[in-house]
């Protein structure tokens, strides 16, 4: 049985598993209570960050690496185009841009805006992270002017990666979405796989409802 440790970026992994139809178990990890107080989790990932994947004797961390592992190990799947597929370069670019360019930048904007002392919320690092996010977002905007999905004409894991980042930016960093990204996210989050993943990730769902003013 595959075990996903923690939500957060683990939502990407759960969404992928739902799209692939693979059975899994989600093990919550409460980082607010300090990971060091969860020895079972620390034995899995002594770095104390989420997500982690346990697959028998295999333990992996980093959400994009986990996604690539699952698709390679339990594929083939149309969520990962073959290297010979014309869509493969765009797929690879946006799969990784969703984390390295977008989510990582949004994470630091979120930290500055929501957790830094009031006088430091417009600090240099936070502003630079916002600028980085905005410049990388231009690539998403351009792609959506060319095709309905990040890799072209079909939904792939790159859309999971990018959609998670755009929603993290909106909900966490309070970076407003405008079209075409807003319309794109609406389409992605209407997928059955996304809805099943959101229902499985109770903490993520509660946070999303709270931020969106639904509950």
Protein backbone atom coordinates (compact mmCIF):
# COMPACT_ATOMS: atom_id res chain seq x y z
CA UNK A 1 0.00 0.00 0.00
CA UNK A 2 1.31 3.43 -0.95
CA UNK A 3 1.41 5.85 1.98
CA UNK A 4 1.46 9.61 1.48
CA UNK A 5 2.77 11.45 4.54
CA UNK A 6 1.38 14.95 4.93
CA UNK A 7 -0.79 17.24 2.85
CA UNK A 8 0.52 20.64 1.69
CA UNK A 9 2.38 19.82 -1.52
CA UNK A 10 1.30 16.25 -0.81
CA UNK A 11 -2.01 17.33 -2.34
CA UNK A 12 -0.30 17.10 -5.71
CA UNK A 13 0.62 13.49 -5.00
CA UNK A 14 -2.88 12.58 -3.81
CA UNK A 15 -4.43 14.22 -6.87
CA UNK A 16 -2.09 12.26 -9.12
CA UNK A 17 -2.93 8.99 -7.34
CA UNK A 18 -6.63 9.71 -7.78
CA UNK A 19 -6.18 10.41 -11.48
CA UNK A 20 -4.17 7.17 -11.86
CA UNK A 21 -6.66 5.14 -9.84
CA UNK A 22 -3.98 3.81 -7.48
CA UNK A 23 -4.88 2.82 -3.90
CA UNK A 24 -3.11 4.75 -1.16
CA UNK A 25 -3.26 5.75 2.47
CA UNK A 26 -2.89 9.36 3.59
CA UNK A 27 -1.06 9.79 6.90
CA UNK A 28 -1.57 13.33 8.30
CA UNK A 29 1.45 15.22 9.60
CA UNK A 30 0.85 18.24 11.82
CA UNK A 31 3.75 20.60 11.16
CA UNK A 32 2.21 23.23 13.44
CA UNK A 33 2.67 20.80 16.32
CA UNK A 34 6.33 20.44 15.22
CA UNK A 35 7.41 17.43 13.20
CA UNK A 36 10.01 16.56 15.84
CA UNK A 37 7.09 15.53 18.06
CA UNK A 38 6.06 12.90 15.49
CA UNK A 39 8.84 10.27 15.74
CA UNK A 40 7.12 7.95 13.27
CA UNK A 41 7.22 10.65 10.61
CA UNK A 42 10.76 11.74 11.50
CA UNK A 43 11.88 8.16 10.92
CA UNK A 44 10.50 8.48 7.39
CA UNK A 45 11.90 11.95 6.69
CA UNK A 46 14.43 13.26 9.22
CA UNK A 47 14.30 16.59 7.39
CA UNK A 48 10.87 17.06 8.93
CA UNK A 49 9.13 18.45 5.83
CA UNK A 50 6.21 17.18 3.78
CA UNK A 51 5.26 15.38 1.67
CA UNK A 52 6.89 11.97 1.79
CA UNK A 53 5.93 8.79 0.00
CA UNK A 54 6.43 5.31 1.35
CA UNK A 55 6.18 2.45 -1.14
CA UNK A 56 7.40 -0.70 0.56
CA UNK A 57 11.09 -0.14 1.21
CA UNK A 58 11.13 2.96 -0.99
CA UNK A 59 10.87 6.34 0.71
CA UNK A 60 10.85 9.54 -1.33
CA UNK A 61 10.39 13.22 -0.61
CA UNK A 62 9.79 16.26 -2.88
CA UNK A 63 6.40 16.30 -4.56
CA UNK A 64 7.55 16.48 -8.20
CA UNK A 65 10.07 13.68 -7.74
CA UNK A 66 7.37 11.58 -6.09
CA UNK A 67 5.02 12.22 -9.01
CA UNK A 68 7.67 11.22 -11.53
CA UNK A 69 8.43 8.07 -9.55
CA UNK A 70 4.78 7.02 -9.38
CA UNK A 71 4.18 7.55 -13.09
CA UNK A 72 7.35 5.67 -14.02
CA UNK A 73 6.82 2.86 -11.53
CA UNK A 74 3.08 2.36 -12.03
CA UNK A 75 2.67 3.63 -15.59
CA UNK A 76 2.61 4.03 -18.43
CA UNK A 77 0.01 6.74 -18.04
CA UNK A 78 -1.20 9.51 -20.35
CA UNK A 79 -0.44 11.87 -17.46
CA UNK A 80 3.24 11.57 -18.48
CA UNK A 81 3.82 11.85 -22.24
CA UNK A 82 6.59 9.66 -23.65
CA UNK A 83 9.86 11.40 -24.61
CA UNK A 84 9.00 10.75 -28.26
CA UNK A 85 5.69 12.61 -27.92
CA UNK A 86 5.74 16.17 -29.36
CA UNK A 87 4.15 17.41 -26.11
CA UNK A 88 6.98 16.06 -23.95
CA UNK A 89 9.14 19.24 -23.82
CA UNK A 90 6.22 21.42 -22.68
CA UNK A 91 5.16 18.73 -20.22
CA UNK A 92 8.62 18.61 -18.65
CA UNK A 93 8.93 22.39 -18.51
CA UNK A 94 5.62 23.02 -16.77
CA UNK A 95 5.82 19.99 -14.48
CA UNK A 96 8.93 21.54 -12.95
CA UNK A 97 7.98 25.21 -13.38
CA UNK A 98 4.94 24.52 -11.19
CA UNK A 99 7.30 24.01 -8.26
CA UNK A 100 10.62 25.67 -9.02
CA UNK A 101 9.21 28.84 -10.54
CA UNK A 102 5.72 29.20 -9.08
CA UNK A 103 5.07 27.32 -5.83
CA UNK A 104 8.52 27.96 -4.36
CA UNK A 105 8.15 31.68 -5.03
CA UNK A 106 4.58 31.78 -3.70
CA UNK A 107 5.77 30.02 -0.54
CA UNK A 108 8.12 32.90 0.30
CA UNK A 109 5.53 35.53 -0.57
CA UNK A 110 3.11 33.73 1.75
CA UNK A 111 5.72 33.65 4.51
CA UNK A 112 6.46 37.36 4.19
CA UNK A 113 2.83 38.47 3.99
CA UNK A 114 1.37 36.23 6.67
CA UNK A 115 4.12 35.35 9.14
CA UNK A 116 6.74 38.10 9.11
CA UNK A 117 6.53 40.92 11.67
CA UNK A 118 4.34 43.75 10.37
CA UNK A 119 7.32 46.01 9.63
CA UNK A 120 9.00 43.32 7.54
CA UNK A 121 6.10 42.18 5.36
CA UNK A 122 7.36 44.14 2.37
CA UNK A 123 10.92 42.97 2.80
CA UNK A 124 13.33 42.54 -0.09
CA UNK A 125 13.08 38.75 -0.15
CA UNK A 126 9.30 38.76 -0.26
CA UNK A 127 9.21 41.36 -3.03
CA UNK A 128 11.83 39.47 -5.03
CA UNK A 129 9.86 36.24 -4.63
CA UNK A 130 6.72 38.00 -5.89
CA UNK A 131 8.60 39.33 -8.91
CA UNK A 132 9.93 35.83 -9.61
CA UNK A 133 6.43 34.37 -9.40
CA UNK A 134 5.03 37.00 -11.75
CA UNK A 135 7.73 36.52 -14.38
CA UNK A 136 7.31 32.73 -14.38
CA UNK A 137 3.54 33.16 -14.57
CA UNK A 138 4.03 34.82 -17.95
CA UNK A 139 5.03 31.43 -19.35
CA UNK A 140 1.75 29.95 -18.12
CA UNK A 141 -0.20 32.83 -19.64
CA UNK A 142 1.54 32.41 -22.99
CA UNK A 143 0.92 28.66 -22.99
CA UNK A 144 -2.78 29.14 -22.27
CA UNK A 145 -2.93 31.41 -25.30
CA UNK A 146 -1.70 28.48 -27.37
CA UNK A 147 -3.38 25.42 -25.85
CA UNK A 148 -5.92 24.39 -23.19
CA UNK A 149 -3.36 22.52 -21.06
CA UNK A 150 0.23 22.97 -20.04
CA UNK A 151 1.47 20.20 -22.33
CA UNK A 152 -0.87 21.04 -25.18
CA UNK A 153 -4.17 19.34 -25.97
CA UNK A 154 -4.37 16.84 -23.08
CA UNK A 155 -4.39 16.97 -19.30
CA UNK A 156 -1.11 15.78 -17.74
CA UNK A 157 0.71 15.83 -14.42
CA UNK A 158 2.07 19.24 -15.44
CA UNK A 159 -1.43 20.62 -14.93
CA UNK A 160 -1.52 19.13 -11.42
CA UNK A 161 1.79 20.81 -10.65
CA UNK A 162 0.82 24.22 -12.02
CA UNK A 163 -2.74 24.25 -10.67
CA UNK A 164 -1.51 23.49 -7.16
CA UNK A 165 0.95 26.39 -7.42
CA UNK A 166 -1.66 28.86 -8.69
CA UNK A 167 -4.04 27.96 -5.87
CA UNK A 168 -1.24 28.19 -3.28
CA UNK A 169 -0.45 31.66 -4.59
CA UNK A 170 -4.09 32.74 -4.47
CA UNK A 171 -5.04 31.28 -1.11
CA UNK A 172 -1.75 31.48 0.75
CA UNK A 173 0.15 34.41 -0.73
CA UNK A 174 -3.03 36.34 -1.64
CA UNK A 175 -1.89 36.87 -5.23
CA UNK A 176 -5.12 37.41 -7.19
CA UNK A 177 -5.84 35.30 -10.25
CA UNK A 178 -6.95 36.87 -13.50
CA UNK A 179 -7.90 35.27 -16.78
CA UNK A 180 -6.71 33.15 -18.48
CA UNK A 181 -5.28 31.51 -15.33
CA UNK A 182 -8.54 31.87 -13.41
CA UNK A 183 -10.54 30.10 -16.14
CA UNK A 184 -7.85 27.44 -16.41
CA UNK A 185 -7.91 26.73 -12.67
CA UNK A 186 -11.70 26.52 -12.74
CA UNK A 187 -11.47 23.81 -15.41
CA UNK A 188 -8.76 21.88 -13.60
CA UNK A 189 -10.49 21.95 -10.23
CA UNK A 190 -13.74 20.73 -11.79
CA UNK A 191 -12.10 17.38 -12.53
CA UNK A 192 -13.37 14.38 -10.58
CA UNK A 193 -9.80 13.48 -9.61
CA UNK A 194 -9.28 16.90 -8.05
CA UNK A 195 -12.54 16.67 -6.12
CA UNK A 196 -11.70 13.22 -4.79
CA UNK A 197 -8.27 14.44 -3.73
CA UNK A 198 -9.77 17.45 -1.96
CA UNK A 199 -12.19 15.20 -0.08
CA UNK A 200 -9.31 12.91 0.93
CA UNK A 201 -7.17 15.83 2.15
CA UNK A 202 -9.38 17.07 4.97
CA UNK A 203 -6.93 19.69 6.21
CA UNK A 204 -6.45 21.15 2.75
CA UNK A 205 -10.19 21.20 2.15
CA UNK A 206 -10.89 22.96 5.47
CA UNK A 207 -8.19 25.56 4.73
CA UNK A 208 -9.52 26.16 1.21
CA UNK A 209 -13.09 26.61 2.44
CA UNK A 210 -11.96 28.98 5.17
CA UNK A 211 -9.84 31.13 2.87
CA UNK A 212 -12.52 31.18 0.17
CA UNK A 213 -15.09 32.29 2.75
CA UNK A 214 -17.27 29.23 2.28
CA UNK A 215 -16.96 28.09 5.87
